[in-house]
Protein backbone atom coordinates (compact mmCIF):
# COMPACT_ATOMS: atom_id res chain seq x y z
CA MET A 1 -0.65 10.46 22.88
CA THR A 2 -3.85 9.85 20.47
CA THR A 3 -7.28 11.53 20.97
CA ALA A 4 -10.49 9.76 20.73
CA LYS A 5 -13.05 10.21 18.10
CA ALA A 6 -16.54 10.94 19.21
CA GLY A 7 -17.82 7.51 21.06
CA GLY A 8 -14.65 7.04 22.52
CA MET A 9 -12.89 5.33 19.38
CA PRO A 10 -9.61 6.06 18.34
CA PRO A 11 -8.84 7.66 15.49
CA ASP A 12 -8.35 6.77 12.08
CA ASN A 13 -4.95 8.56 11.31
CA VAL A 14 -2.52 10.03 13.50
CA SER A 15 -0.50 12.71 12.59
CA ILE A 16 3.63 12.40 12.52
CA ILE A 17 6.52 14.60 11.17
CA LEU A 18 8.18 12.02 8.60
CA ASN A 19 11.46 13.77 7.26
CA GLY A 20 10.46 17.31 8.19
CA GLU A 21 7.00 16.94 6.24
CA ARG A 22 3.80 16.29 8.39
CA ARG A 23 1.96 13.74 7.23
CA ARG A 24 -1.30 11.56 8.07
CA VAL A 25 -0.94 7.87 8.37
CA ALA A 26 -3.06 4.89 9.81
CA ALA A 27 -3.55 4.63 13.53
CA GLY A 28 -1.98 1.45 14.61
CA LEU A 29 0.63 1.12 12.16
CA SER A 30 3.68 0.16 13.27
CA VAL A 31 7.38 1.39 12.17
CA TYR A 32 7.63 -1.86 9.69
CA GLY A 33 4.25 -1.07 8.24
CA LEU A 34 5.41 2.49 7.68
CA LEU A 35 8.33 1.34 5.87
CA ARG A 36 6.55 -0.86 3.82
CA SER A 37 3.53 1.64 3.02
CA LEU A 38 6.57 3.91 1.69
CA LYS A 39 7.96 0.71 -0.51
CA LEU A 40 11.18 0.75 1.76
CA GLU A 41 13.06 -2.34 2.59
CA PRO A 42 13.49 -2.17 6.59
CA GLY A 43 16.57 -3.90 6.08
CA MET A 44 18.09 -0.70 4.17
CA VAL A 45 16.61 2.34 6.47
CA VAL A 46 17.96 3.35 9.28
CA VAL A 47 15.05 4.98 11.18
CA GLU A 48 15.30 7.48 13.91
CA ARG A 49 12.02 8.21 16.17
CA ASN A 50 11.62 10.99 18.60
CA ARG A 51 15.57 11.83 17.91
CA GLU A 52 16.69 8.06 18.89
CA ILE A 53 17.69 5.73 16.56
CA LEU A 54 15.26 2.63 16.28
CA ALA A 55 17.15 -0.66 16.74
CA ARG A 56 16.40 -3.15 13.92
CA ASP A 57 14.61 -6.01 16.04
CA ALA A 58 12.29 -3.18 17.26
CA ILE A 59 10.91 -2.00 13.74
CA GLY A 60 8.04 -4.21 13.83
CA ILE A 61 6.83 -3.64 17.48
CA THR A 62 7.38 -0.12 17.35
CA ALA A 63 4.19 1.79 17.02
CA VAL A 64 3.75 4.94 15.28
CA GLU A 65 2.19 7.30 17.34
CA ASP A 66 0.36 10.62 16.87
CA GLY A 67 3.08 13.24 17.13
CA ASP A 68 5.85 11.31 16.20
CA ARG A 69 9.01 12.77 14.63
CA ILE A 70 10.53 9.92 12.24
CA GLU A 71 13.45 10.27 9.77
CA LEU A 72 14.57 7.76 7.49
CA VAL A 73 17.99 7.38 5.90
CA HIS A 74 17.95 5.05 3.30
CA PHE A 75 21.00 3.15 1.54
CA VAL A 76 21.53 3.73 -2.11
CA GLY A 77 23.42 1.18 -3.93
CA GLY A 78 26.05 2.64 -6.89
CA GLY A 79 29.28 2.65 -7.99
């Protein structure tokens, strides 16, 4: 649900909740793009979008939309 700016143009940013914090991100960003902007390796992250686990093969084609609730869990190696 994206609202248009004056003149019918889409907004430059959308508002999401990322790991419990409200955040503005670029409109049209994919989940893959979001992960890369956060300097996270997509193969090392589990993404929950609006209470559903996002399949790995959908990360690159799923757009981040206004109002999305995204939770990220990333794996940290150690011993």
